[in-house]
Amino acid sequence: MTHDRELIGSFLPAGTKVRYDGLEKGGPEFGVVIHCWMNDEIGRYDCYIAFFGNESPDREPTKIPYILRYAAVSLTVING
């Protein structure tokens, strides 16, 4: 198992606001970490994220968030 921080990502505490930029169309998605854990099977931190689509998690959501699972290394922390 690797211990390189760039490869495994960082632990993201519940409540951390994040952005996922991996979409080919539709722009970035914004969300909030629900749970994060070290997944020994993939050797990285894995997270459940409540996504709000292209709406910032700073505002009151206009629709119910959807839950997806992503490796922490694929997420960008939003400061603020």
PDB file of N, CA and C in Angstrom:
ATOM      1  N   MET A   1       0.849  -1.180   0.000  1.00  0.00           N
ATOM      2  CA  MET A   1       0.000   0.000   0.000  1.00  0.00           C
ATOM      3  C   MET A   1       0.894   1.242   0.000  1.00  0.00           C
ATOM      4  N   THR A   2       0.484   2.247  -0.763  1.00  0.00           N
ATOM      5  CA  THR A   2       1.272   3.477  -0.872  1.00  0.00           C
ATOM      6  C   THR A   2       0.920   4.454   0.250  1.00  0.00           C
ATOM      7  N   HIS A   3       1.894   5.271   0.624  1.00  0.00           N
ATOM      8  CA  HIS A   3       1.649   6.289   1.645  1.00  0.00           C
ATOM      9  C   HIS A   3       1.909   7.686   1.095  1.00  0.00           C
ATOM     10  N   ASP A   4       2.043   7.822  -0.230  1.00  0.00           N
ATOM     11  CA  ASP A   4       2.264   9.105  -0.868  1.00  0.00           C
ATOM     12  C   ASP A   4       0.979   9.932  -0.806  1.00  0.00           C
ATOM     13  N   ARG A   5       1.018  11.105  -0.141  1.00  0.00           N
ATOM     14  CA  ARG A   5      -0.159  11.952   0.069  1.00  0.00           C
ATOM     15  C   ARG A   5      -0.831  12.338  -1.257  1.00  0.00           C
ATOM     16  N   GLU A   6      -0.038  12.567  -2.314  1.00  0.00           N
ATOM     17  CA  GLU A   6      -0.626  12.932  -3.602  1.00  0.00           C
ATOM     18  C   GLU A   6      -1.442  11.798  -4.197  1.00  0.00           C
ATOM     19  N   LEU A   7      -1.072  10.570  -3.900  1.00  0.00           N
ATOM     20  CA  LEU A   7      -1.779   9.425  -4.452  1.00  0.00           C
ATOM     21  C   LEU A   7      -2.994   9.026  -3.625  1.00  0.00           C
ATOM     22  N   ILE A   8      -2.912   9.185  -2.294  1.00  0.00           N
ATOM     23  CA  ILE A   8      -4.034   8.757  -1.467  1.00  0.00           C
ATOM     24  C   ILE A   8      -4.989   9.893  -1.146  1.00  0.00           C
ATOM     25  N   GLY A   9      -4.556  11.142  -1.316  1.00  0.00           N
ATOM     26  CA  GLY A   9      -5.403  12.284  -0.999  1.00  0.00           C
ATOM     27  C   GLY A   9      -5.393  12.559   0.487  1.00  0.00           C
ATOM     28  N   SER A  10      -6.212  13.481   0.897  1.00  0.00           N
ATOM     29  CA  SER A  10      -6.307  13.867   2.302  1.00  0.00           C
ATOM     30  C   SER A  10      -7.636  13.411   2.885  1.00  0.00           C
ATOM     31  N   PHE A  11      -7.618  13.181   4.185  1.00  0.00           N
ATOM     32  CA  PHE A  11      -8.862  12.904   4.885  1.00  0.00           C
ATOM     33  C   PHE A  11      -9.703  14.178   4.851  1.00  0.00           C
ATOM     34  N   LEU A  12     -10.986  14.054   4.509  1.00  0.00           N
ATOM     35  CA  LEU A  12     -11.892  15.205   4.460  1.00  0.00           C
ATOM     36  C   LEU A  12     -12.973  15.009   5.522  1.00  0.00           C
ATOM     37  N   PRO A  13     -12.984  15.852   6.551  1.00  0.00           N
ATOM     38  CA  PRO A  13     -13.988  15.697   7.605  1.00  0.00           C
ATOM     39  C   PRO A  13     -15.401  15.981   7.088  1.00  0.00           C
ATOM     40  N   ALA A  14     -16.382  15.365   7.737  1.00  0.00           N
ATOM     41  CA  ALA A  14     -17.786  15.615   7.401  1.00  0.00           C
ATOM     42  C   ALA A  14     -18.061  17.106   7.488  1.00  0.00           C
ATOM     43  N   GLY A  15     -18.812  17.625   6.527  1.00  0.00           N
ATOM     44  CA  GLY A  15     -19.142  19.040   6.489  1.00  0.00           C
ATOM     45  C   GLY A  15     -18.232  19.855   5.583  1.00  0.00           C
ATOM     46  N   THR A  16     -17.136  19.246   5.093  1.00  0.00           N
ATOM     47  CA  THR A  16     -16.231  19.956   4.192  1.00  0.00           C
ATOM     48  C   THR A  16     -16.924  20.191   2.857  1.00  0.00           C
ATOM     49  N   LYS A  17     -16.864  21.431   2.374  1.00  0.00           N
ATOM     50  CA  LYS A  17     -17.456  21.772   1.083  1.00  0.00           C
ATOM     51  C   LYS A  17     -16.450  21.450  -0.012  1.00  0.00           C
ATOM     52  N   VAL A  18     -16.938  20.774  -1.072  1.00  0.00           N
ATOM     53  CA  VAL A  18     -16.052  20.334  -2.146  1.00  0.00           C
ATOM     54  C   VAL A  18     -16.649  20.622  -3.521  1.00  0.00           C
ATOM     55  N   ARG A  19     -15.749  20.546  -4.517  1.00  0.00           N
ATOM     56  CA  ARG A  19     -16.144  20.686  -5.915  1.00  0.00           C
ATOM     57  C   ARG A  19     -15.561  19.496  -6.672  1.00  0.00           C
ATOM     58  N   TYR A  20     -16.357  18.930  -7.584  1.00  0.00           N
ATOM     59  CA  TYR A  20     -15.879  17.855  -8.451  1.00  0.00           C
ATOM     60  C   TYR A  20     -15.837  18.407  -9.873  1.00  0.00           C
ATOM     61  N   ASP A  21     -14.646  18.437 -10.464  1.00  0.00           N
ATOM     62  CA  ASP A  21     -14.461  19.010 -11.790  1.00  0.00           C
ATOM     63  C   ASP A  21     -14.371  17.959 -12.891  1.00  0.00           C
ATOM     64  N   GLY A  22     -14.602  16.702 -12.605  1.00  0.00           N
ATOM     65  CA  GLY A  22     -14.392  15.625 -13.557  1.00  0.00           C
ATOM     66  C   GLY A  22     -15.450  15.436 -14.620  1.00  0.00           C
ATOM     67  N   LEU A  23     -16.460  16.282 -14.656  1.00  0.00           N
ATOM     68  CA  LEU A  23     -17.510  16.119 -15.656  1.00  0.00           C
ATOM     69  C   LEU A  23     -17.047  16.588 -17.032  1.00  0.00           C
ATOM     70  N   GLU A  24     -17.468  15.875 -18.063  1.00  0.00           N
ATOM     71  CA  GLU A  24     -17.118  16.282 -19.420  1.00  0.00           C
ATOM     72  C   GLU A  24     -17.995  17.432 -19.891  1.00  0.00           C
ATOM     73  N   LYS A  25     -19.269  17.428 -19.488  1.00  0.00           N
ATOM     74  CA  LYS A  25     -20.146  18.539 -19.842  1.00  0.00           C
ATOM     75  C   LYS A  25     -20.996  18.895 -18.637  1.00  0.00           C
ATOM     76  N   GLY A  26     -21.485  20.101 -18.629  1.00  0.00           N
ATOM     77  CA  GLY A  26     -22.328  20.520 -17.524  1.00  0.00           C
ATOM     78  C   GLY A  26     -21.608  21.279 -16.433  1.00  0.00           C
ATOM     79  N   GLY A  27     -20.292  21.397 -16.526  1.00  0.00           N
ATOM     80  CA  GLY A  27     -19.555  22.154 -15.524  1.00  0.00           C
ATOM     81  C   GLY A  27     -19.335  21.396 -14.241  1.00  0.00           C
ATOM     82  N   PRO A  28     -18.738  22.062 -13.251  1.00  0.00           N
ATOM     83  CA  PRO A  28     -18.429  21.385 -11.982  1.00  0.00           C
ATOM     84  C   PRO A  28     -19.692  21.123 -11.155  1.00  0.00           C
ATOM     85  N   GLU A  29     -19.563  20.160 -10.239  1.00  0.00           N
ATOM     86  CA  GLU A  29     -20.624  19.866  -9.274  1.00  0.00           C
ATOM     87  C   GLU A  29     -20.112  20.241  -7.898  1.00  0.00           C
ATOM     88  N   PHE A  30     -20.991  20.747  -7.054  1.00  0.00           N
ATOM     89  CA  PHE A  30     -20.631  21.167  -5.706  1.00  0.00           C
ATOM     90  C   PHE A  30     -21.337  20.292  -4.682  1.00  0.00           C
ATOM     91  N   GLY A  31     -20.662  20.033  -3.565  1.00  0.00           N
ATOM     92  CA  GLY A  31     -21.262  19.193  -2.544  1.00  0.00           C
ATOM     93  C   GLY A  31     -20.614  19.366  -1.186  1.00  0.00           C
ATOM     94  N   VAL A  32     -21.073  18.522  -0.268  1.00  0.00           N
ATOM     95  CA  VAL A  32     -20.593  18.522   1.111  1.00  0.00           C
ATOM     96  C   VAL A  32     -20.267  17.079   1.492  1.00  0.00           C
ATOM     97  N   VAL A  33     -19.102  16.882   2.115  1.00  0.00           N
ATOM     98  CA  VAL A  33     -18.693  15.548   2.560  1.00  0.00           C
ATOM     99  C   VAL A  33     -19.634  15.065   3.662  1.00  0.00           C
ATOM    100  N   ILE A  34     -20.127  13.854   3.499  1.00  0.00           N
ATOM    101  CA  ILE A  34     -20.961  13.218   4.524  1.00  0.00           C
ATOM    102  C   ILE A  34     -20.118  12.298   5.388  1.00  0.00           C
ATOM    103  N   HIS A  35     -19.223  11.537   4.731  1.00  0.00           N
ATOM    104  CA  HIS A  35     -18.380  10.587   5.457  1.00  0.00           C
ATOM    105  C   HIS A  35     -17.144  10.310   4.615  1.00  0.00           C
ATOM    106  N   CYS A  36     -15.984  10.166   5.268  1.00  0.00           N
ATOM    107  CA  CYS A  36     -14.722   9.884   4.585  1.00  0.00           C
ATOM    108  C   CYS A  36     -13.972   8.826   5.387  1.00  0.00           C
ATOM    109  N   TRP A  37     -13.339   7.880   4.707  1.00  0.00           N
ATOM    110  CA  TRP A  37     -12.619   6.803   5.378  1.00  0.00           C
ATOM    111  C   TRP A  37     -11.475   6.319   4.495  1.00  0.00           C
ATOM    112  N   MET A  38     -10.460   5.704   5.112  1.00  0.00           N
ATOM    113  CA  MET A  38      -9.373   5.094   4.356  1.00  0.00           C
ATOM    114  C   MET A  38      -9.885   3.758   3.826  1.00  0.00           C
ATOM    115  N   ASN A  39      -9.890   3.617   2.525  1.00  0.00           N
ATOM    116  CA  ASN A  39     -10.327   2.390   1.881  1.00  0.00           C
ATOM    117  C   ASN A  39      -9.074   1.588   1.540  1.00  0.00           C
ATOM    118  N   ASP A  40      -8.774   0.575   2.340  1.00  0.00           N
ATOM    119  CA  ASP A  40      -7.564  -0.218   2.138  1.00  0.00           C
ATOM    120  C   ASP A  40      -7.576  -0.960   0.803  1.00  0.00           C
ATOM    121  N   GLU A  41      -8.744  -1.242   0.284  1.00  0.00           N
ATOM    122  CA  GLU A  41      -8.847  -1.961  -0.986  1.00  0.00           C
ATOM    123  C   GLU A  41      -8.280  -1.135  -2.142  1.00  0.00           C
ATOM    124  N   ILE A  42      -8.498   0.171  -2.130  1.00  0.00           N
ATOM    125  CA  ILE A  42      -7.986   1.029  -3.199  1.00  0.00           C
ATOM    126  C   ILE A  42      -6.776   1.847  -2.744  1.00  0.00           C
ATOM    127  N   GLY A  43      -6.458   1.812  -1.446  1.00  0.00           N
ATOM    128  CA  GLY A  43      -5.307   2.527  -0.912  1.00  0.00           C
ATOM    129  C   GLY A  43      -5.459   4.038  -0.925  1.00  0.00           C
ATOM    130  N   ARG A  44      -6.692   4.513  -0.805  1.00  0.00           N
ATOM    131  CA  ARG A  44      -6.989   5.947  -0.837  1.00  0.00           C
ATOM    132  C   ARG A  44      -8.142   6.252   0.109  1.00  0.00           C
ATOM    133  N   TYR A  45      -8.274   7.553   0.421  1.00  0.00           N
ATOM    134  CA  TYR A  45      -9.456   7.979   1.171  1.00  0.00           C
ATOM    135  C   TYR A  45     -10.644   7.991   0.218  1.00  0.00           C
ATOM    136  N   ASP A  46     -11.748   7.461   0.674  1.00  0.00           N
ATOM    137  CA  ASP A  46     -12.986   7.370  -0.080  1.00  0.00           C
ATOM    138  C   ASP A  46     -14.025   8.211   0.656  1.00  0.00           C
ATOM    139  N   CYS A  47     -14.922   8.854  -0.077  1.00  0.00           N
ATOM    140  CA  CYS A  47     -15.890   9.761   0.560  1.00  0.00           C
ATOM    141  C   CYS A  47     -17.279   9.610  -0.029  1.00  0.00           C
ATOM    142  N   TYR A  48     -18.281   9.763   0.826  1.00  0.00           N
ATOM    143  CA  TYR A  48     -19.654   9.951   0.365  1.00  0.00           C
ATOM    144  C   TYR A  48     -19.900  11.454   0.362  1.00  0.00           C
ATOM    145  N   ILE A  49     -20.419  11.954  -0.750  1.00  0.00           N
ATOM    146  CA  ILE A  49     -20.653  13.382  -0.926  1.00  0.00           C
ATOM    147  C   ILE A  49     -22.122  13.621  -1.241  1.00  0.00           C
ATOM    148  N   ALA A  50     -22.726  14.607  -0.568  1.00  0.00           N
ATOM    149  CA  ALA A  50     -24.072  15.069  -0.920  1.00  0.00           C
ATOM    150  C   ALA A  50     -23.876  16.172  -1.949  1.00  0.00           C
ATOM    151  N   PHE A  51     -24.232  15.884  -3.202  1.00  0.00           N
ATOM    152  CA  PHE A  51     -24.042  16.846  -4.287  1.00  0.00           C
ATOM    153  C   PHE A  51     -25.299  17.663  -4.532  1.00  0.00           C
ATOM    154  N   PHE A  52     -25.069  18.942  -4.847  1.00  0.00           N
ATOM    155  CA  PHE A  52     -26.140  19.892  -5.123  1.00  0.00           C
ATOM    156  C   PHE A  52     -26.104  20.353  -6.577  1.00  0.00           C
ATOM    157  N   GLY A  53     -25.454  19.603  -7.453  1.00  0.00           N
ATOM    158  CA  GLY A  53     -25.329  19.995  -8.849  1.00  0.00           C
ATOM    159  C   GLY A  53     -24.413  21.197  -8.978  1.00  0.00           C
ATOM    160  N   ASN A  54     -24.819  22.153  -9.817  1.00  0.00           N
ATOM    161  CA  ASN A  54     -23.970  23.324 -10.021  1.00  0.00           C
ATOM    162  C   ASN A  54     -24.275  24.450  -9.040  1.00  0.00           C
ATOM    163  N   GLU A  55     -25.055  24.157  -7.998  1.00  0.00           N
ATOM    164  CA  GLU A  55     -25.363  25.145  -6.958  1.00  0.00           C
ATOM    165  C   GLU A  55     -24.313  25.091  -5.856  1.00  0.00           C
ATOM    166  N   SER A  56     -23.877  26.237  -5.407  1.00  0.00           N
ATOM    167  CA  SER A  56     -22.909  26.308  -4.319  1.00  0.00           C
ATOM    168  C   SER A  56     -23.542  25.781  -3.031  1.00  0.00           C
ATOM    169  N   PRO A  57     -22.802  25.004  -2.226  1.00  0.00           N
ATOM    170  CA  PRO A  57     -23.354  24.518  -0.958  1.00  0.00           C
ATOM    171  C   PRO A  57     -23.480  25.615   0.095  1.00  0.00           C
ATOM    172  N   ASP A  58     -23.113  26.865  -0.263  1.00  0.00           N
ATOM    173  CA  ASP A  58     -23.242  27.989   0.669  1.00  0.00           C
ATOM    174  C   ASP A  58     -24.685  28.491   0.747  1.00  0.00           C
ATOM    175  N   ARG A  59     -25.471  28.169  -0.252  1.00  0.00           N
ATOM    176  CA  ARG A  59     -26.854  28.650  -0.311  1.00  0.00           C
ATOM    177  C   ARG A  59     -27.831  27.556   0.102  1.00  0.00           C
ATOM    178  N   GLU A  60     -29.043  27.966   0.394  1.00  0.00           N
ATOM    179  CA  GLU A  60     -30.127  27.015   0.666  1.00  0.00           C
ATOM    180  C   GLU A  60     -30.411  26.260  -0.638  1.00  0.00           C
ATOM    181  N   PRO A  61     -30.345  24.925  -0.634  1.00  0.00           N
ATOM    182  CA  PRO A  61     -30.546  24.182  -1.880  1.00  0.00           C
ATOM    183  C   PRO A  61     -31.980  24.315  -2.396  1.00  0.00           C
ATOM    184  N   THR A  62     -32.118  24.336  -3.726  1.00  0.00           N
ATOM    185  CA  THR A  62     -33.438  24.404  -4.341  1.00  0.00           C
ATOM    186  C   THR A  62     -33.976  23.005  -4.649  1.00  0.00           C
ATOM    187  N   LYS A  63     -33.102  22.004  -4.591  1.00  0.00           N
ATOM    188  CA  LYS A  63     -33.536  20.615  -4.796  1.00  0.00           C
ATOM    189  C   LYS A  63     -32.806  19.692  -3.827  1.00  0.00           C
ATOM    190  N   ILE A  64     -33.328  18.501  -3.677  1.00  0.00           N
ATOM    191  CA  ILE A  64     -32.750  17.523  -2.762  1.00  0.00           C
ATOM    192  C   ILE A  64     -31.391  17.064  -3.301  1.00  0.00           C
ATOM    193  N   PRO A  65     -30.348  17.046  -2.453  1.00  0.00           N
ATOM    194  CA  PRO A  65     -29.029  16.592  -2.929  1.00  0.00           C
ATOM    195  C   PRO A  65     -29.042  15.094  -3.232  1.00  0.00           C
ATOM    196  N   TYR A  66     -28.105  14.674  -4.051  1.00  0.00           N
ATOM    197  CA  TYR A  66     -27.932  13.259  -4.361  1.00  0.00           C
ATOM    198  C   TYR A  66     -26.574  12.833  -3.832  1.00  0.00           C
ATOM    199  N   ILE A  67     -26.470  11.583  -3.418  1.00  0.00           N
ATOM    200  CA  ILE A  67     -25.264  11.072  -2.763  1.00  0.00           C
ATOM    201  C   ILE A  67     -24.450  10.250  -3.761  1.00  0.00           C
ATOM    202  N   LEU A  68     -23.174  10.582  -3.890  1.00  0.00           N
ATOM    203  CA  LEU A  68     -22.257   9.819  -4.729  1.00  0.00           C
ATOM    204  C   LEU A  68     -20.988   9.539  -3.944  1.00  0.00           C
ATOM    205  N   ARG A  69     -20.243   8.553  -4.406  1.00  0.00           N
ATOM    206  CA  ARG A  69     -19.004   8.152  -3.744  1.00  0.00           C
ATOM    207  C   ARG A  69     -17.822   8.474  -4.648  1.00  0.00           C
ATOM    208  N   TYR A  70     -16.841   9.194  -4.117  1.00  0.00           N
ATOM    209  CA  TYR A  70     -15.647   9.568  -4.872  1.00  0.00           C
ATOM    210  C   TYR A  70     -14.419   9.439  -3.994  1.00  0.00           C
ATOM    211  N   ALA A  71     -13.285   9.148  -4.627  1.00  0.00           N
ATOM    212  CA  ALA A  71     -12.004   9.186  -3.923  1.00  0.00           C
ATOM    213  C   ALA A  71     -11.696  10.640  -3.595  1.00  0.00           C
ATOM    214  N   ALA A  72     -11.134  10.889  -2.435  1.00  0.00           N
ATOM    215  CA  ALA A  72     -10.827  12.254  -1.996  1.00  0.00           C
ATOM    216  C   ALA A  72      -9.905  12.978  -2.962  1.00  0.00           C
ATOM    217  N   VAL A  73      -9.009  12.240  -3.639  1.00  0.00           N
ATOM    218  CA  VAL A  73      -8.075  12.878  -4.569  1.00  0.00           C
ATOM    219  C   VAL A  73      -8.774  13.492  -5.765  1.00  0.00           C
ATOM    220  N   SER A  74     -10.012  13.108  -6.046  1.00  0.00           N
ATOM    221  CA  SER A  74     -10.736  13.658  -7.194  1.00  0.00           C
ATOM    222  C   SER A  74     -11.560  14.888  -6.836  1.00  0.00           C
ATOM    223  N   LEU A  75     -11.484  15.331  -5.578  1.00  0.00           N
ATOM    224  CA  LEU A  75     -12.286  16.467  -5.109  1.00  0.00           C
ATOM    225  C   LEU A  75     -11.407  17.657  -4.767  1.00  0.00           C
ATOM    226  N   THR A  76     -11.956  18.854  -4.975  1.00  0.00           N
ATOM    227  CA  THR A  76     -11.274  20.090  -4.613  1.00  0.00           C
ATOM    228  C   THR A  76     -12.006  20.708  -3.441  1.00  0.00           C
ATOM    229  N   VAL A  77     -11.292  20.999  -2.361  1.00  0.00           N
ATOM    230  CA  VAL A  77     -11.905  21.626  -1.191  1.00  0.00           C
ATOM    231  C   VAL A  77     -12.193  23.082  -1.513  1.00  0.00           C
ATOM    232  N   ILE A  78     -13.409  23.522  -1.158  1.00  0.00           N
ATOM    233  CA  ILE A  78     -13.811  24.915  -1.343  1.00  0.00           C
ATOM    234  C   ILE A  78     -13.607  25.627  -0.017  1.00  0.00           C
ATOM    235  N   ASN A  79     -12.801  26.632  -0.014  1.00  0.00           N
ATOM    236  CA  ASN A  79     -12.566  27.430   1.200  1.00  0.00           C
ATOM    237  C   ASN A  79     -13.588  28.543   1.267  1.00  0.00           C
ATOM    238  N   GLY A  80     -14.171  28.692   2.453  1.00  0.00           N
ATOM    239  CA  GLY A  80     -15.097  29.797   2.618  1.00  0.00           C
ATOM    240  C   GLY A  80     -16.412  29.440   3.085  1.00  0.00           C
TER     241      GLY A  80
END
